[in-house]
Amino acid sequence: MRPFVESLRRLYIAGRITIQKLESFLAEGKINDAEYAYIVG
């Protein structure tokens, strides 16, 4: 997985980034569906 995605996953697990922010990254094309599932899964 890309370092950016790994970083987002760590932030999400730590509660420092919201699901809404991840959804906006998904909508903007910064992450794809598989990466989103990996982060929140």
PDB file of N, CA and C in Angstrom:
ATOM      1  N   MET A   1       0.848  -1.184   0.000  1.00  0.00           N
ATOM      2  CA  MET A   1       0.000   0.000   0.000  1.00  0.00           C
ATOM      3  C   MET A   1       0.891   1.244   0.000  1.00  0.00           C
ATOM      4  N   ARG A   2       0.378   2.294  -0.597  1.00  0.00           N
ATOM      5  CA  ARG A   2       1.140   3.552  -0.679  1.00  0.00           C
ATOM      6  C   ARG A   2       1.369   4.143   0.722  1.00  0.00           C
ATOM      7  N   PRO A   3       2.498   4.807   0.907  1.00  0.00           N
ATOM      8  CA  PRO A   3       2.760   5.435   2.216  1.00  0.00           C
ATOM      9  C   PRO A   3       1.668   6.414   2.641  1.00  0.00           C
ATOM     10  N   PHE A   4       1.102   7.146   1.683  1.00  0.00           N
ATOM     11  CA  PHE A   4       0.020   8.078   1.996  1.00  0.00           C
ATOM     12  C   PHE A   4      -1.171   7.349   2.618  1.00  0.00           C
ATOM     13  N   VAL A   5      -1.517   6.213   2.045  1.00  0.00           N
ATOM     14  CA  VAL A   5      -2.650   5.419   2.542  1.00  0.00           C
ATOM     15  C   VAL A   5      -2.339   4.835   3.918  1.00  0.00           C
ATOM     16  N   GLU A   6      -1.117   4.351   4.097  1.00  0.00           N
ATOM     17  CA  GLU A   6      -0.708   3.825   5.413  1.00  0.00           C
ATOM     18  C   GLU A   6      -0.799   4.923   6.475  1.00  0.00           C
ATOM     19  N   SER A   7      -0.382   6.117   6.117  1.00  0.00           N
ATOM     20  CA  SER A   7      -0.441   7.250   7.036  1.00  0.00           C
ATOM     21  C   SER A   7      -1.888   7.584   7.398  1.00  0.00           C
ATOM     22  N   LEU A   8      -2.758   7.611   6.388  1.00  0.00           N
ATOM     23  CA  LEU A   8      -4.181   7.867   6.661  1.00  0.00           C
ATOM     24  C   LEU A   8      -4.763   6.804   7.564  1.00  0.00           C
ATOM     25  N   ARG A   9      -4.371   5.548   7.363  1.00  0.00           N
ATOM     26  CA  ARG A   9      -4.881   4.452   8.194  1.00  0.00           C
ATOM     27  C   ARG A   9      -4.460   4.637   9.647  1.00  0.00           C
ATOM     28  N   ARG A  10      -3.200   4.981   9.861  1.00  0.00           N
ATOM     29  CA  ARG A  10      -2.732   5.220  11.232  1.00  0.00           C
ATOM     30  C   ARG A  10      -3.492   6.376  11.874  1.00  0.00           C
ATOM     31  N   LEU A  11      -3.711   7.446  11.124  1.00  0.00           N
ATOM     32  CA  LEU A  11      -4.450   8.596  11.651  1.00  0.00           C
ATOM     33  C   LEU A  11      -5.897   8.230  11.970  1.00  0.00           C
ATOM     34  N   TYR A  12      -6.521   7.444  11.107  1.00  0.00           N
ATOM     35  CA  TYR A  12      -7.905   7.025  11.328  1.00  0.00           C
ATOM     36  C   TYR A  12      -8.019   6.145  12.572  1.00  0.00           C
ATOM     37  N   ILE A  13      -7.118   5.202  12.704  1.00  0.00           N
ATOM     38  CA  ILE A  13      -7.131   4.310  13.868  1.00  0.00           C
ATOM     39  C   ILE A  13      -6.917   5.100  15.158  1.00  0.00           C
ATOM     40  N   ALA A  14      -6.059   6.116  15.088  1.00  0.00           N
ATOM     41  CA  ALA A  14      -5.775   6.938  16.260  1.00  0.00           C
ATOM     42  C   ALA A  14      -6.887   7.958  16.544  1.00  0.00           C
ATOM     43  N   GLY A  15      -7.865   8.061  15.641  1.00  0.00           N
ATOM     44  CA  GLY A  15      -8.960   8.997  15.839  1.00  0.00           C
ATOM     45  C   GLY A  15      -8.619  10.425  15.477  1.00  0.00           C
ATOM     46  N   ARG A  16      -7.563  10.615  14.693  1.00  0.00           N
ATOM     47  CA  ARG A  16      -7.124  11.968  14.360  1.00  0.00           C
ATOM     48  C   ARG A  16      -7.613  12.433  12.995  1.00  0.00           C
ATOM     49  N   ILE A  17      -8.326  11.558  12.286  1.00  0.00           N
ATOM     50  CA  ILE A  17      -8.932  11.932  11.006  1.00  0.00           C
ATOM     51  C   ILE A  17     -10.320  11.302  10.967  1.00  0.00           C
ATOM     52  N   THR A  18     -11.280  12.042  10.414  1.00  0.00           N
ATOM     53  CA  THR A  18     -12.670  11.570  10.430  1.00  0.00           C
ATOM     54  C   THR A  18     -12.999  10.778   9.169  1.00  0.00           C
ATOM     55  N   ILE A  19     -14.064  10.015   9.269  1.00  0.00           N
ATOM     56  CA  ILE A  19     -14.557   9.266   8.113  1.00  0.00           C
ATOM     57  C   ILE A  19     -15.005  10.230   7.017  1.00  0.00           C
ATOM     58  N   GLN A  20     -15.512  11.394   7.404  1.00  0.00           N
ATOM     59  CA  GLN A  20     -15.929  12.390   6.412  1.00  0.00           C
ATOM     60  C   GLN A  20     -14.742  12.883   5.594  1.00  0.00           C
ATOM     61  N   LYS A  21     -13.599  13.068   6.238  1.00  0.00           N
ATOM     62  CA  LYS A  21     -12.397  13.495   5.518  1.00  0.00           C
ATOM     63  C   LYS A  21     -11.946  12.407   4.554  1.00  0.00           C
ATOM     64  N   LEU A  22     -12.003  11.162   4.992  1.00  0.00           N
ATOM     65  CA  LEU A  22     -11.642  10.054   4.099  1.00  0.00           C
ATOM     66  C   LEU A  22     -12.594   9.987   2.904  1.00  0.00           C
ATOM     67  N   GLU A  23     -13.884  10.223   3.148  1.00  0.00           N
ATOM     68  CA  GLU A  23     -14.857  10.217   2.061  1.00  0.00           C
ATOM     69  C   GLU A  23     -14.584  11.347   1.071  1.00  0.00           C
ATOM     70  N   SER A  24     -14.118  12.489   1.571  1.00  0.00           N
ATOM     71  CA  SER A  24     -13.784  13.582   0.655  1.00  0.00           C
ATOM     72  C   SER A  24     -12.549  13.238  -0.168  1.00  0.00           C
ATOM     73  N   PHE A  25     -11.562  12.581   0.433  1.00  0.00           N
ATOM     74  CA  PHE A  25     -10.395  12.119  -0.335  1.00  0.00           C
ATOM     75  C   PHE A  25     -10.824  11.141  -1.425  1.00  0.00           C
ATOM     76  N   LEU A  26     -11.779  10.277  -1.108  1.00  0.00           N
ATOM     77  CA  LEU A  26     -12.299   9.319  -2.075  1.00  0.00           C
ATOM     78  C   LEU A  26     -13.001  10.045  -3.225  1.00  0.00           C
ATOM     79  N   ALA A  27     -13.841  11.020  -2.895  1.00  0.00           N
ATOM     80  CA  ALA A  27     -14.577  11.781  -3.913  1.00  0.00           C
ATOM     81  C   ALA A  27     -13.636  12.584  -4.810  1.00  0.00           C
ATOM     82  N   GLU A  28     -12.528  13.078  -4.230  1.00  0.00           N
ATOM     83  CA  GLU A  28     -11.563  13.884  -4.984  1.00  0.00           C
ATOM     84  C   GLU A  28     -10.592  13.023  -5.793  1.00  0.00           C
ATOM     85  N   GLY A  29     -10.641  11.704  -5.589  1.00  0.00           N
ATOM     86  CA  GLY A  29      -9.746  10.825  -6.328  1.00  0.00           C
ATOM     87  C   GLY A  29      -8.364  10.678  -5.728  1.00  0.00           C
ATOM     88  N   LYS A  30      -8.182  11.157  -4.498  1.00  0.00           N
ATOM     89  CA  LYS A  30      -6.875  11.028  -3.832  1.00  0.00           C
ATOM     90  C   LYS A  30      -6.630   9.606  -3.349  1.00  0.00           C
ATOM     91  N   ILE A  31      -7.716   8.889  -3.068  1.00  0.00           N
ATOM     92  CA  ILE A  31      -7.639   7.465  -2.739  1.00  0.00           C
ATOM     93  C   ILE A  31      -8.712   6.750  -3.555  1.00  0.00           C
ATOM     94  N   ASN A  32      -8.523   5.454  -3.784  1.00  0.00           N
ATOM     95  CA  ASN A  32      -9.531   4.681  -4.529  1.00  0.00           C
ATOM     96  C   ASN A  32     -10.373   3.846  -3.563  1.00  0.00           C
ATOM     97  N   ASP A  33     -11.341   3.128  -4.124  1.00  0.00           N
ATOM     98  CA  ASP A  33     -12.275   2.349  -3.280  1.00  0.00           C
ATOM     99  C   ASP A  33     -11.553   1.299  -2.441  1.00  0.00           C
ATOM    100  N   ALA A  34     -10.573   0.618  -3.037  1.00  0.00           N
ATOM    101  CA  ALA A  34      -9.839  -0.418  -2.318  1.00  0.00           C
ATOM    102  C   ALA A  34      -9.036   0.182  -1.168  1.00  0.00           C
ATOM    103  N   GLU A  35      -8.426   1.329  -1.415  1.00  0.00           N
ATOM    104  CA  GLU A  35      -7.647   1.999  -0.357  1.00  0.00           C
ATOM    105  C   GLU A  35      -8.567   2.472   0.768  1.00  0.00           C
ATOM    106  N   TYR A  36      -9.723   2.993   0.408  1.00  0.00           N
ATOM    107  CA  TYR A  36     -10.696   3.419   1.416  1.00  0.00           C
ATOM    108  C   TYR A  36     -11.120   2.249   2.297  1.00  0.00           C
ATOM    109  N   ALA A  37     -11.415   1.132   1.654  1.00  0.00           N
ATOM    110  CA  ALA A  37     -11.818  -0.064   2.404  1.00  0.00           C
ATOM    111  C   ALA A  37     -10.705  -0.540   3.323  1.00  0.00           C
ATOM    112  N   TYR A  38      -9.471  -0.464   2.855  1.00  0.00           N
ATOM    113  CA  TYR A  38      -8.318  -0.856   3.671  1.00  0.00           C
ATOM    114  C   TYR A  38      -8.186   0.043   4.900  1.00  0.00           C
ATOM    115  N   ILE A  39      -8.367   1.339   4.714  1.00  0.00           N
ATOM    116  CA  ILE A  39      -8.216   2.296   5.818  1.00  0.00           C
ATOM    117  C   ILE A  39      -9.294   2.078   6.880  1.00  0.00           C
ATOM    118  N   VAL A  40     -10.554   1.980   6.455  1.00  0.00           N
ATOM    119  CA  VAL A  40     -11.639   1.895   7.440  1.00  0.00           C
ATOM    120  C   VAL A  40     -11.944   0.473   7.885  1.00  0.00           C
ATOM    121  N   GLY A  41     -11.388  -0.501   7.159  1.00  0.00           N
ATOM    122  CA  GLY A  41     -11.665  -1.904   7.458  1.00  0.00           C
ATOM    123  C   GLY A  41     -10.922  -2.348   8.644  1.00  0.00           C
TER     124      GLY A  41
END
